[in-house]
């Protein structure tokens, strides 16, 4: 288990639902990854790099809703600027995306 945090620490994390609207290969990434464009409704479109190539084809990801942290600082990955962190369960080298069971409005918060 990681370090114990206070509830106030958790409330600082802005988790939102977004829909993947564009997927591109990311050959410059150190590990196999995709470049994603994600629609977060009123928050706009944010980009992210995700190492999810082992379980997901690009076509499968289009229009899929995901959960992401949207209030981290931007991070430069090769020549790409990642603006959010897509969440997934790590199973060995595979990452299984977290997503709502039913479709919800883009940008809705996760508590």
PDB file of N, CA and C in Angstrom:
ATOM      1  N   UNK A   1       0.852  -1.178   0.000  1.00  0.00           N
ATOM      2  CA  UNK A   1       0.000   0.000   0.000  1.00  0.00           C
ATOM      3  C   UNK A   1       0.893   1.235   0.000  1.00  0.00           C
ATOM      4  N   UNK A   2       0.427   2.279  -0.645  1.00  0.00           N
ATOM      5  CA  UNK A   2       1.155   3.547  -0.676  1.00  0.00           C
ATOM      6  C   UNK A   2       1.003   4.279   0.650  1.00  0.00           C
ATOM      7  N   UNK A   3       1.642   5.443   0.734  1.00  0.00           N
ATOM      8  CA  UNK A   3       1.533   6.265   1.932  1.00  0.00           C
ATOM      9  C   UNK A   3       0.082   6.619   2.214  1.00  0.00           C
ATOM     10  N   UNK A   4      -0.262   6.692   3.490  1.00  0.00           N
ATOM     11  CA  UNK A   4      -1.595   7.123   3.908  1.00  0.00           C
ATOM     12  C   UNK A   4      -1.720   8.624   3.626  1.00  0.00           C
ATOM     13  N   UNK A   5      -2.839   9.016   3.011  1.00  0.00           N
ATOM     14  CA  UNK A   5      -3.092  10.436   2.766  1.00  0.00           C
ATOM     15  C   UNK A   5      -4.333  10.849   3.543  1.00  0.00           C
ATOM     16  N   UNK A   6      -4.484  12.130   3.695  1.00  0.00           N
ATOM     17  CA  UNK A   6      -5.666  12.672   4.349  1.00  0.00           C
ATOM     18  C   UNK A   6      -6.767  12.858   3.300  1.00  0.00           C
ATOM     19  N   UNK A   7      -8.023  12.879   3.747  1.00  0.00           N
ATOM     20  CA  UNK A   7      -9.142  13.059   2.835  1.00  0.00           C
ATOM     21  C   UNK A   7      -8.995  14.364   2.057  1.00  0.00           C
ATOM     22  N   UNK A   8      -8.483  15.400   2.715  1.00  0.00           N
ATOM     23  CA  UNK A   8      -8.277  16.683   2.038  1.00  0.00           C
ATOM     24  C   UNK A   8      -7.318  16.539   0.851  1.00  0.00           C
ATOM     25  N   UNK A   9      -6.326  15.630   0.969  1.00  0.00           N
ATOM     26  CA  UNK A   9      -5.417  15.386  -0.150  1.00  0.00           C
ATOM     27  C   UNK A   9      -6.181  14.787  -1.331  1.00  0.00           C
ATOM     28  N   UNK A  10      -7.056  13.829  -1.053  1.00  0.00           N
ATOM     29  CA  UNK A  10      -7.837  13.177  -2.101  1.00  0.00           C
ATOM     30  C   UNK A  10      -8.754  14.174  -2.811  1.00  0.00           C
ATOM     31  N   UNK A  11      -9.337  15.083  -2.055  1.00  0.00           N
ATOM     32  CA  UNK A  11     -10.287  16.026  -2.667  1.00  0.00           C
ATOM     33  C   UNK A  11      -9.603  17.002  -3.633  1.00  0.00           C
ATOM     34  N   UNK A  12      -8.281  17.074  -3.593  1.00  0.00           N
ATOM     35  CA  UNK A  12      -7.547  17.934  -4.523  1.00  0.00           C
ATOM     36  C   UNK A  12      -7.442  17.311  -5.915  1.00  0.00           C
ATOM     37  N   UNK A  13      -7.657  16.005  -6.014  1.00  0.00           N
ATOM     38  CA  UNK A  13      -7.547  15.313  -7.295  1.00  0.00           C
ATOM     39  C   UNK A  13      -8.841  15.513  -8.075  1.00  0.00           C
ATOM     40  N   UNK A  14      -8.723  16.056  -9.276  1.00  0.00           N
ATOM     41  CA  UNK A  14      -9.883  16.313 -10.123  1.00  0.00           C
ATOM     42  C   UNK A  14     -10.023  15.175 -11.131  1.00  0.00           C
ATOM     43  N   UNK A  15     -10.896  14.219 -10.804  1.00  0.00           N
ATOM     44  CA  UNK A  15     -11.164  13.074 -11.669  1.00  0.00           C
ATOM     45  C   UNK A  15     -12.385  13.378 -12.519  1.00  0.00           C
ATOM     46  N   UNK A  16     -12.269  13.189 -13.832  1.00  0.00           N
ATOM     47  CA  UNK A  16     -13.368  13.487 -14.754  1.00  0.00           C
ATOM     48  C   UNK A  16     -13.543  12.365 -15.772  1.00  0.00           C
ATOM     49  N   UNK A  17     -14.742  12.308 -16.320  1.00  0.00           N
ATOM     50  CA  UNK A  17     -15.044  11.393 -17.410  1.00  0.00           C
ATOM     51  C   UNK A  17     -14.857  12.137 -18.724  1.00  0.00           C
ATOM     52  N   UNK A  18     -14.209  11.500 -19.669  1.00  0.00           N
ATOM     53  CA  UNK A  18     -14.036  12.071 -21.001  1.00  0.00           C
ATOM     54  C   UNK A  18     -14.207  11.004 -22.055  1.00  0.00           C
ATOM     55  N   UNK A  19     -14.394  11.438 -23.284  1.00  0.00           N
ATOM     56  CA  UNK A  19     -14.542  10.522 -24.415  1.00  0.00           C
ATOM     57  C   UNK A  19     -13.359  10.695 -25.359  1.00  0.00           C
ATOM     58  N   UNK A  20     -12.721   9.587 -25.706  1.00  0.00           N
ATOM     59  CA  UNK A  20     -11.593   9.614 -26.629  1.00  0.00           C
ATOM     60  C   UNK A  20     -12.129   9.918 -28.029  1.00  0.00           C
ATOM     61  N   UNK A  21     -11.613  10.997 -28.630  1.00  0.00           N
ATOM     62  CA  UNK A  21     -12.096  11.400 -29.949  1.00  0.00           C
ATOM     63  C   UNK A  21     -11.038  11.254 -31.042  1.00  0.00           C
ATOM     64  N   UNK A  22      -9.795  11.013 -30.644  1.00  0.00           N
ATOM     65  CA  UNK A  22      -8.727  10.813 -31.630  1.00  0.00           C
ATOM     66  C   UNK A  22      -7.641   9.954 -31.008  1.00  0.00           C
ATOM     67  N   UNK A  23      -7.110   9.021 -31.798  1.00  0.00           N
ATOM     68  CA  UNK A  23      -6.036   8.131 -31.347  1.00  0.00           C
ATOM     69  C   UNK A  23      -4.968   8.083 -32.435  1.00  0.00           C
ATOM     70  N   UNK A  24      -3.730   8.325 -32.031  1.00  0.00           N
ATOM     71  CA  UNK A  24      -2.609   8.265 -32.975  1.00  0.00           C
ATOM     72  C   UNK A  24      -1.484   7.430 -32.385  1.00  0.00           C
ATOM     73  N   UNK A  25      -0.718   6.792 -33.257  1.00  0.00           N
ATOM     74  CA  UNK A  25       0.481   6.093 -32.809  1.00  0.00           C
ATOM     75  C   UNK A  25       1.462   7.106 -32.235  1.00  0.00           C
ATOM     76  N   UNK A  26       2.332   6.636 -31.338  1.00  0.00           N
ATOM     77  CA  UNK A  26       3.319   7.504 -30.701  1.00  0.00           C
ATOM     78  C   UNK A  26       4.692   6.816 -30.770  1.00  0.00           C
ATOM     79  N   UNK A  27       5.279   6.767 -31.966  1.00  0.00           N
ATOM     80  CA  UNK A  27       6.535   6.029 -32.132  1.00  0.00           C
ATOM     81  C   UNK A  27       7.709   6.618 -31.351  1.00  0.00           C
ATOM     82  N   UNK A  28       7.642   7.899 -30.974  1.00  0.00           N
ATOM     83  CA  UNK A  28       8.738   8.521 -30.222  1.00  0.00           C
ATOM     84  C   UNK A  28       8.727   8.159 -28.734  1.00  0.00           C
ATOM     85  N   UNK A  29       7.657   7.559 -28.256  1.00  0.00           N
ATOM     86  CA  UNK A  29       7.561   7.205 -26.832  1.00  0.00           C
ATOM     87  C   UNK A  29       8.565   6.106 -26.496  1.00  0.00           C
ATOM     88  N   UNK A  30       9.086   6.148 -25.290  1.00  0.00           N
ATOM     89  CA  UNK A  30      10.058   5.154 -24.826  1.00  0.00           C
ATOM     90  C   UNK A  30       9.445   3.758 -24.813  1.00  0.00           C
ATOM     91  N   UNK A  31       8.187   3.664 -24.332  1.00  0.00           N
ATOM     92  CA  UNK A  31       7.441   2.408 -24.325  1.00  0.00           C
ATOM     93  C   UNK A  31       6.261   2.559 -25.275  1.00  0.00           C
ATOM     94  N   UNK A  32       5.788   1.473 -25.883  1.00  0.00           N
ATOM     95  CA  UNK A  32       4.671   1.574 -26.826  1.00  0.00           C
ATOM     96  C   UNK A  32       3.486   2.319 -26.211  1.00  0.00           C
ATOM     97  N   UNK A  33       2.988   3.322 -26.950  1.00  0.00           N
ATOM     98  CA  UNK A  33       1.913   4.162 -26.430  1.00  0.00           C
ATOM     99  C   UNK A  33       1.126   4.773 -27.581  1.00  0.00           C
ATOM    100  N   UNK A  34      -0.032   5.301 -27.223  1.00  0.00           N
ATOM    101  CA  UNK A  34      -0.847   6.082 -28.148  1.00  0.00           C
ATOM    102  C   UNK A  34      -0.895   7.530 -27.667  1.00  0.00           C
ATOM    103  N   UNK A  35      -1.121   8.427 -28.603  1.00  0.00           N
ATOM    104  CA  UNK A  35      -1.457   9.813 -28.288  1.00  0.00           C
ATOM    105  C   UNK A  35      -2.981   9.914 -28.398  1.00  0.00           C
ATOM    106  N   UNK A  36      -3.620  10.380 -27.329  1.00  0.00           N
ATOM    107  CA  UNK A  36      -5.073  10.471 -27.289  1.00  0.00           C
ATOM    108  C   UNK A  36      -5.523  11.925 -27.215  1.00  0.00           C
ATOM    109  N   UNK A  37      -6.621  12.243 -27.879  1.00  0.00           N
ATOM    110  CA  UNK A  37      -7.340  13.503 -27.686  1.00  0.00           C
ATOM    111  C   UNK A  37      -8.651  13.125 -27.025  1.00  0.00           C
ATOM    112  N   UNK A  38      -8.944  13.779 -25.896  1.00  0.00           N
ATOM    113  CA  UNK A  38     -10.088  13.389 -25.068  1.00  0.00           C
ATOM    114  C   UNK A  38     -10.984  14.595 -24.848  1.00  0.00           C
ATOM    115  N   UNK A  39     -12.272  14.420 -25.108  1.00  0.00           N
ATOM    116  CA  UNK A  39     -13.266  15.483 -24.931  1.00  0.00           C
ATOM    117  C   UNK A  39     -13.788  15.433 -23.497  1.00  0.00           C
ATOM    118  N   UNK A  40     -13.534  16.512 -22.747  1.00  0.00           N
ATOM    119  CA  UNK A  40     -14.009  16.630 -21.372  1.00  0.00           C
ATOM    120  C   UNK A  40     -15.125  17.658 -21.254  1.00  0.00           C
ATOM    121  N   UNK A  41     -15.947  17.785 -22.277  1.00  0.00           N
ATOM    122  CA  UNK A  41     -17.095  18.695 -22.234  1.00  0.00           C
ATOM    123  C   UNK A  41     -16.664  20.126 -22.017  1.00  0.00           C
ATOM    124  N   UNK A  42     -17.193  20.742 -20.967  1.00  0.00           N
ATOM    125  CA  UNK A  42     -16.919  22.164 -20.712  1.00  0.00           C
ATOM    126  C   UNK A  42     -15.445  22.446 -20.403  1.00  0.00           C
ATOM    127  N   UNK A  43     -14.667  21.424 -20.050  1.00  0.00           N
ATOM    128  CA  UNK A  43     -13.226  21.603 -19.807  1.00  0.00           C
ATOM    129  C   UNK A  43     -12.443  21.626 -21.115  1.00  0.00           C
ATOM    130  N   UNK A  44     -13.080  21.238 -22.204  1.00  0.00           N
ATOM    131  CA  UNK A  44     -12.423  21.229 -23.500  1.00  0.00           C
ATOM    132  C   UNK A  44     -11.776  19.893 -23.823  1.00  0.00           C
ATOM    133  N   UNK A  45     -10.954  19.929 -24.850  1.00  0.00           N
ATOM    134  CA  UNK A  45     -10.247  18.736 -25.308  1.00  0.00           C
ATOM    135  C   UNK A  45      -8.839  18.767 -24.751  1.00  0.00           C
ATOM    136  N   UNK A  46      -8.457  17.646 -24.125  1.00  0.00           N
ATOM    137  CA  UNK A  46      -7.115  17.523 -23.551  1.00  0.00           C
ATOM    138  C   UNK A  46      -6.423  16.336 -24.201  1.00  0.00           C
ATOM    139  N   UNK A  47      -5.095  16.409 -24.248  1.00  0.00           N
ATOM    140  CA  UNK A  47      -4.290  15.349 -24.848  1.00  0.00           C
ATOM    141  C   UNK A  47      -3.598  14.542 -23.757  1.00  0.00           C
ATOM    142  N   UNK A  48      -3.392  13.269 -24.058  1.00  0.00           N
ATOM    143  CA  UNK A  48      -2.697  12.397 -23.124  1.00  0.00           C
ATOM    144  C   UNK A  48      -1.954  11.323 -23.899  1.00  0.00           C
ATOM    145  N   UNK A  49      -0.871  10.853 -23.309  1.00  0.00           N
ATOM    146  CA  UNK A  49      -0.154   9.699 -23.818  1.00  0.00           C
ATOM    147  C   UNK A  49      -0.530   8.525 -22.922  1.00  0.00           C
ATOM    148  N   UNK A  50      -0.821   7.377 -23.536  1.00  0.00           N
ATOM    149  CA  UNK A  50      -1.234   6.225 -22.729  1.00  0.00           C
ATOM    150  C   UNK A  50      -0.582   4.946 -23.250  1.00  0.00           C
ATOM    151  N   UNK A  51       0.014   4.198 -22.326  1.00  0.00           N
ATOM    152  CA  UNK A  51       0.657   2.933 -22.670  1.00  0.00           C
ATOM    153  C   UNK A  51      -0.391   1.817 -22.594  1.00  0.00           C
ATOM    154  N   UNK A  52      -1.274   1.809 -23.575  1.00  0.00           N
ATOM    155  CA  UNK A  52      -2.399   0.863 -23.578  1.00  0.00           C
ATOM    156  C   UNK A  52      -2.452   0.066 -24.878  1.00  0.00           C
ATOM    157  N   UNK A  53      -1.306  -0.051 -25.549  1.00  0.00           N
ATOM    158  CA  UNK A  53      -1.280  -0.681 -26.868  1.00  0.00           C
ATOM    159  C   UNK A  53      -1.408  -2.202 -26.820  1.00  0.00           C
ATOM    160  N   UNK A  54      -1.128  -2.831 -25.692  1.00  0.00           N
ATOM    161  CA  UNK A  54      -1.159  -4.296 -25.647  1.00  0.00           C
ATOM    162  C   UNK A  54      -2.590  -4.846 -25.637  1.00  0.00           C
ATOM    163  N   UNK A  55      -3.536  -4.094 -25.101  1.00  0.00           N
ATOM    164  CA  UNK A  55      -4.918  -4.588 -25.019  1.00  0.00           C
ATOM    165  C   UNK A  55      -5.889  -3.877 -25.951  1.00  0.00           C
ATOM    166  N   UNK A  56      -5.516  -2.697 -26.457  1.00  0.00           N
ATOM    167  CA  UNK A  56      -6.473  -1.897 -27.217  1.00  0.00           C
ATOM    168  C   UNK A  56      -5.929  -1.507 -28.583  1.00  0.00           C
ATOM    169  N   UNK A  57      -6.726  -1.792 -29.609  1.00  0.00           N
ATOM    170  CA  UNK A  57      -6.432  -1.279 -30.951  1.00  0.00           C
ATOM    171  C   UNK A  57      -6.962   0.144 -31.024  1.00  0.00           C
ATOM    172  N   UNK A  58      -6.380   0.944 -31.895  1.00  0.00           N
ATOM    173  CA  UNK A  58      -6.796   2.346 -32.016  1.00  0.00           C
ATOM    174  C   UNK A  58      -8.300   2.456 -32.284  1.00  0.00           C
ATOM    175  N   UNK A  59      -8.818   1.603 -33.135  1.00  0.00           N
ATOM    176  CA  UNK A  59     -10.231   1.661 -33.497  1.00  0.00           C
ATOM    177  C   UNK A  59     -11.148   1.399 -32.300  1.00  0.00           C
ATOM    178  N   UNK A  60     -10.703   0.532 -31.386  1.00  0.00           N
ATOM    179  CA  UNK A  60     -11.492   0.207 -30.187  1.00  0.00           C
ATOM    180  C   UNK A  60     -11.589   1.385 -29.223  1.00  0.00           C
ATOM    181  N   UNK A  61     -10.611   2.264 -29.280  1.00  0.00           N
ATOM    182  CA  UNK A  61     -10.553   3.362 -28.327  1.00  0.00           C
ATOM    183  C   UNK A  61     -11.425   4.556 -28.721  1.00  0.00           C
ATOM    184  N   UNK A  62     -11.668   4.726 -30.011  1.00  0.00           N
ATOM    185  CA  UNK A  62     -12.474   5.854 -30.460  1.00  0.00           C
ATOM    186  C   UNK A  62     -13.866   5.798 -29.846  1.00  0.00           C
ATOM    187  N   UNK A  63     -14.298   6.920 -29.313  1.00  0.00           N
ATOM    188  CA  UNK A  63     -15.618   7.084 -28.683  1.00  0.00           C
ATOM    189  C   UNK A  63     -15.774   6.316 -27.370  1.00  0.00           C
ATOM    190  N   UNK A  64     -14.686   5.819 -26.811  1.00  0.00           N
ATOM    191  CA  UNK A  64     -14.726   5.133 -25.512  1.00  0.00           C
ATOM    192  C   UNK A  64     -14.593   6.174 -24.412  1.00  0.00           C
ATOM    193  N   UNK A  65     -15.426   6.055 -23.389  1.00  0.00           N
ATOM    194  CA  UNK A  65     -15.295   6.945 -22.239  1.00  0.00           C
ATOM    195  C   UNK A  65     -14.268   6.386 -21.273  1.00  0.00           C
ATOM    196  N   UNK A  66     -13.529   7.302 -20.650  1.00  0.00           N
ATOM    197  CA  UNK A  66     -12.463   6.932 -19.722  1.00  0.00           C
ATOM    198  C   UNK A  66     -12.533   7.832 -18.491  1.00  0.00           C
ATOM    199  N   UNK A  67     -11.750   7.471 -17.477  1.00  0.00           N
ATOM    200  CA  UNK A  67     -11.581   8.287 -16.274  1.00  0.00           C
ATOM    201  C   UNK A  67     -10.162   8.853 -16.325  1.00  0.00           C
ATOM    202  N   UNK A  68     -10.028  10.144 -16.011  1.00  0.00           N
ATOM    203  CA  UNK A  68      -8.700  10.765 -16.046  1.00  0.00           C
ATOM    204  C   UNK A  68      -8.568  11.813 -14.953  1.00  0.00           C
ATOM    205  N   UNK A  69      -7.326  12.032 -14.531  1.00  0.00           N
ATOM    206  CA  UNK A  69      -6.987  13.145 -13.649  1.00  0.00           C
ATOM    207  C   UNK A  69      -6.702  14.325 -14.565  1.00  0.00           C
ATOM    208  N   UNK A  70      -7.425  15.432 -14.352  1.00  0.00           N
ATOM    209  CA  UNK A  70      -7.291  16.574 -15.268  1.00  0.00           C
ATOM    210  C   UNK A  70      -6.571  17.768 -14.648  1.00  0.00           C
ATOM    211  N   UNK A  71      -6.146  17.666 -13.388  1.00  0.00           N
ATOM    212  CA  UNK A  71      -5.506  18.830 -12.772  1.00  0.00           C
ATOM    213  C   UNK A  71      -4.036  18.602 -12.396  1.00  0.00           C
ATOM    214  N   UNK A  72      -3.361  17.699 -13.102  1.00  0.00           N
ATOM    215  CA  UNK A  72      -1.916  17.601 -12.984  1.00  0.00           C
ATOM    216  C   UNK A  72      -1.288  18.663 -13.888  1.00  0.00           C
ATOM    217  N   UNK A  73      -0.058  19.076 -13.599  1.00  0.00           N
ATOM    218  CA  UNK A  73       0.616  19.970 -14.539  1.00  0.00           C
ATOM    219  C   UNK A  73       0.896  19.225 -15.848  1.00  0.00           C
ATOM    220  N   UNK A  74       1.003  19.966 -16.943  1.00  0.00           N
ATOM    221  CA  UNK A  74       1.336  19.361 -18.231  1.00  0.00           C
ATOM    222  C   UNK A  74       2.690  18.685 -18.129  1.00  0.00           C
ATOM    223  N   UNK A  75       2.862  17.591 -18.903  1.00  0.00           N
ATOM    224  CA  UNK A  75       4.118  16.851 -18.872  1.00  0.00           C
ATOM    225  C   UNK A  75       4.589  16.599 -20.298  1.00  0.00           C
ATOM    226  N   UNK A  76       5.841  16.965 -20.564  1.00  0.00           N
ATOM    227  CA  UNK A  76       6.437  16.747 -21.880  1.00  0.00           C
ATOM    228  C   UNK A  76       6.874  15.293 -21.986  1.00  0.00           C
ATOM    229  N   UNK A  77       6.380  14.605 -23.023  1.00  0.00           N
ATOM    230  CA  UNK A  77       6.797  13.234 -23.306  1.00  0.00           C
ATOM    231  C   UNK A  77       7.263  13.220 -24.754  1.00  0.00           C
ATOM    232  N   UNK A  78       8.570  13.111 -24.951  1.00  0.00           N
ATOM    233  CA  UNK A  78       9.187  13.287 -26.273  1.00  0.00           C
ATOM    234  C   UNK A  78       8.763  14.657 -26.796  1.00  0.00           C
ATOM    235  N   UNK A  79       8.173  14.733 -27.983  1.00  0.00           N
ATOM    236  CA  UNK A  79       7.747  16.026 -28.532  1.00  0.00           C
ATOM    237  C   UNK A  79       6.260  16.273 -28.285  1.00  0.00           C
ATOM    238  N   UNK A  80       5.664  15.531 -27.373  1.00  0.00           N
ATOM    239  CA  UNK A  80       4.227  15.581 -27.111  1.00  0.00           C
ATOM    240  C   UNK A  80       3.973  16.128 -25.707  1.00  0.00           C
ATOM    241  N   UNK A  81       2.972  16.999 -25.573  1.00  0.00           N
ATOM    242  CA  UNK A  81       2.621  17.567 -24.270  1.00  0.00           C
ATOM    243  C   UNK A  81       1.365  16.869 -23.752  1.00  0.00           C
ATOM    244  N   UNK A  82       1.511  16.104 -22.676  1.00  0.00           N
ATOM    245  CA  UNK A  82       0.387  15.408 -22.062  1.00  0.00           C
ATOM    246  C   UNK A  82      -0.284  16.346 -21.063  1.00  0.00           C
ATOM    247  N   UNK A  83      -1.617  16.457 -21.142  1.00  0.00           N
ATOM    248  CA  UNK A  83      -2.366  17.406 -20.320  1.00  0.00           C
ATOM    249  C   UNK A  83      -3.242  16.750 -19.256  1.00  0.00           C
ATOM    250  N   UNK A  84      -3.321  15.427 -19.270  1.00  0.00           N
ATOM    251  CA  UNK A  84      -4.120  14.715 -18.266  1.00  0.00           C
ATOM    252  C   UNK A  84      -3.566  13.305 -18.131  1.00  0.00           C
ATOM    253  N   UNK A  85      -4.004  12.599 -17.103  1.00  0.00           N
ATOM    254  CA  UNK A  85      -3.553  11.234 -16.852  1.00  0.00           C
ATOM    255  C   UNK A  85      -4.747  10.297 -16.921  1.00  0.00           C
ATOM    256  N   UNK A  86      -4.746   9.445 -17.944  1.00  0.00           N
ATOM    257  CA  UNK A  86      -5.807   8.448 -18.101  1.00  0.00           C
ATOM    258  C   UNK A  86      -5.557   7.329 -17.089  1.00  0.00           C
ATOM    259  N   UNK A  87      -6.610   6.906 -16.380  1.00  0.00           N
ATOM    260  CA  UNK A  87      -6.453   5.916 -15.325  1.00  0.00           C
ATOM    261  C   UNK A  87      -6.777   4.507 -15.812  1.00  0.00           C
ATOM    262  N   UNK A  88      -6.002   3.556 -15.298  1.00  0.00           N
ATOM    263  CA  UNK A  88      -6.222   2.156 -15.629  1.00  0.00           C
ATOM    264  C   UNK A  88      -5.661   1.264 -14.540  1.00  0.00           C
ATOM    265  N   UNK A  89      -6.139   0.044 -14.530  1.00  0.00           N
ATOM    266  CA  UNK A  89      -5.631  -0.972 -13.611  1.00  0.00           C
ATOM    267  C   UNK A  89      -4.454  -1.659 -14.287  1.00  0.00           C
ATOM    268  N   UNK A  90      -3.334  -1.772 -13.574  1.00  0.00           N
ATOM    269  CA  UNK A  90      -2.124  -2.359 -14.139  1.00  0.00           C
ATOM    270  C   UNK A  90      -2.086  -3.840 -13.782  1.00  0.00           C
ATOM    271  N   UNK A  91      -2.014  -4.673 -14.839  1.00  0.00           N
ATOM    272  CA  UNK A  91      -1.968  -6.128 -14.672  1.00  0.00           C
ATOM    273  C   UNK A  91      -0.745  -6.618 -15.445  1.00  0.00           C
ATOM    274  N   UNK A  92       0.409  -6.656 -14.765  1.00  0.00           N
ATOM    275  CA  UNK A  92       1.653  -6.981 -15.445  1.00  0.00           C
ATOM    276  C   UNK A  92       2.029  -5.838 -16.360  1.00  0.00           C
ATOM    277  N   UNK A  93       2.133  -6.107 -17.668  1.00  0.00           N
ATOM    278  CA  UNK A  93       2.435  -5.049 -18.635  1.00  0.00           C
ATOM    279  C   UNK A  93       1.174  -4.494 -19.275  1.00  0.00           C
ATOM    280  N   UNK A  94       0.043  -5.074 -18.967  1.00  0.00           N
ATOM    281  CA  UNK A  94      -1.228  -4.626 -19.526  1.00  0.00           C
ATOM    282  C   UNK A  94      -1.872  -3.574 -18.638  1.00  0.00           C
ATOM    283  N   UNK A  95      -2.510  -2.591 -19.270  1.00  0.00           N
ATOM    284  CA  UNK A  95      -3.270  -1.569 -18.553  1.00  0.00           C
ATOM    285  C   UNK A  95      -4.717  -1.669 -19.020  1.00  0.00           C
ATOM    286  N   UNK A  96      -5.629  -1.894 -18.069  1.00  0.00           N
ATOM    287  CA  UNK A  96      -7.050  -1.996 -18.361  1.00  0.00           C
ATOM    288  C   UNK A  96      -7.689  -0.665 -17.991  1.00  0.00           C
ATOM    289  N   UNK A  97      -8.244   0.022 -18.974  1.00  0.00           N
ATOM    290  CA  UNK A  97      -8.811   1.350 -18.754  1.00  0.00           C
ATOM    291  C   UNK A  97      -9.982   1.316 -17.785  1.00  0.00           C
ATOM    292  N   UNK A  98     -10.056   2.345 -16.938  1.00  0.00           N
ATOM    293  CA  UNK A  98     -11.212   2.529 -16.067  1.00  0.00           C
ATOM    294  C   UNK A  98     -12.242   3.349 -16.828  1.00  0.00           C
ATOM    295  N   UNK A  99     -13.503   2.947 -16.727  1.00  0.00           N
ATOM    296  CA  UNK A  99     -14.551   3.665 -17.449  1.00  0.00           C
ATOM    297  C   UNK A  99     -15.897   3.461 -16.753  1.00  0.00           C
ATOM    298  N   UNK A 100     -16.846   4.384 -16.984  1.00  0.00           N
ATOM    299  CA  UNK A 100     -18.173   4.218 -16.398  1.00  0.00           C
ATOM    300  C   UNK A 100     -18.909   3.065 -17.066  1.00  0.00           C
ATOM    301  N   UNK A 101     -19.816   2.423 -16.329  1.00  0.00           N
ATOM    302  CA  UNK A 101     -20.596   1.312 -16.881  1.00  0.00           C
ATOM    303  C   UNK A 101     -21.550   1.767 -17.976  1.00  0.00           C
ATOM    304  N   UNK A 102     -22.095   2.954 -17.820  1.00  0.00           N
ATOM    305  CA  UNK A 102     -22.996   3.499 -18.832  1.00  0.00           C
ATOM    306  C   UNK A 102     -22.476   4.861 -19.260  1.00  0.00           C
ATOM    307  N   UNK A 103     -22.898   5.295 -20.426  1.00  0.00           N
ATOM    308  CA  UNK A 103     -22.447   6.570 -20.961  1.00  0.00           C
ATOM    309  C   UNK A 103     -22.957   7.732 -20.081  1.00  0.00           C
ATOM    310  N   UNK A 104     -22.057   8.665 -19.814  1.00  0.00           N
ATOM    311  CA  UNK A 104     -22.398   9.846 -19.025  1.00  0.00           C
ATOM    312  C   UNK A 104     -21.895  11.078 -19.756  1.00  0.00           C
ATOM    313  N   UNK A 105     -22.282  12.245 -19.276  1.00  0.00           N
ATOM    314  CA  UNK A 105     -21.888  13.513 -19.881  1.00  0.00           C
ATOM    315  C   UNK A 105     -20.370  13.699 -19.734  1.00  0.00           C
ATOM    316  N   UNK A 106     -19.714  14.111 -20.814  1.00  0.00           N
ATOM    317  CA  UNK A 106     -18.277  14.400 -20.758  1.00  0.00           C
ATOM    318  C   UNK A 106     -18.021  15.524 -19.761  1.00  0.00           C
ATOM    319  N   UNK A 107     -16.973  15.348 -18.953  1.00  0.00           N
ATOM    320  CA  UNK A 107     -16.573  16.360 -17.984  1.00  0.00           C
ATOM    321  C   UNK A 107     -17.165  16.145 -16.603  1.00  0.00           C
ATOM    322  N   UNK A 108     -18.073  15.180 -16.471  1.00  0.00           N
ATOM    323  CA  UNK A 108     -18.683  14.939 -15.152  1.00  0.00           C
ATOM    324  C   UNK A 108     -17.599  14.489 -14.168  1.00  0.00           C
ATOM    325  N   UNK A 109     -17.726  14.893 -12.915  1.00  0.00           N
ATOM    326  CA  UNK A 109     -16.717  14.556 -11.919  1.00  0.00           C
ATOM    327  C   UNK A 109     -16.914  13.139 -11.389  1.00  0.00           C
ATOM    328  N   UNK A 110     -15.807  12.579 -10.922  1.00  0.00           N
ATOM    329  CA  UNK A 110     -15.809  11.257 -10.287  1.00  0.00           C
ATOM    330  C   UNK A 110     -15.480  11.495  -8.820  1.00  0.00           C
ATOM    331  N   UNK A 111     -16.307  10.981  -7.938  1.00  0.00           N
ATOM    332  CA  UNK A 111     -16.078  11.141  -6.489  1.00  0.00           C
ATOM    333  C   UNK A 111     -15.726   9.829  -5.853  1.00  0.00           C
TER     334      UNK A 111
END
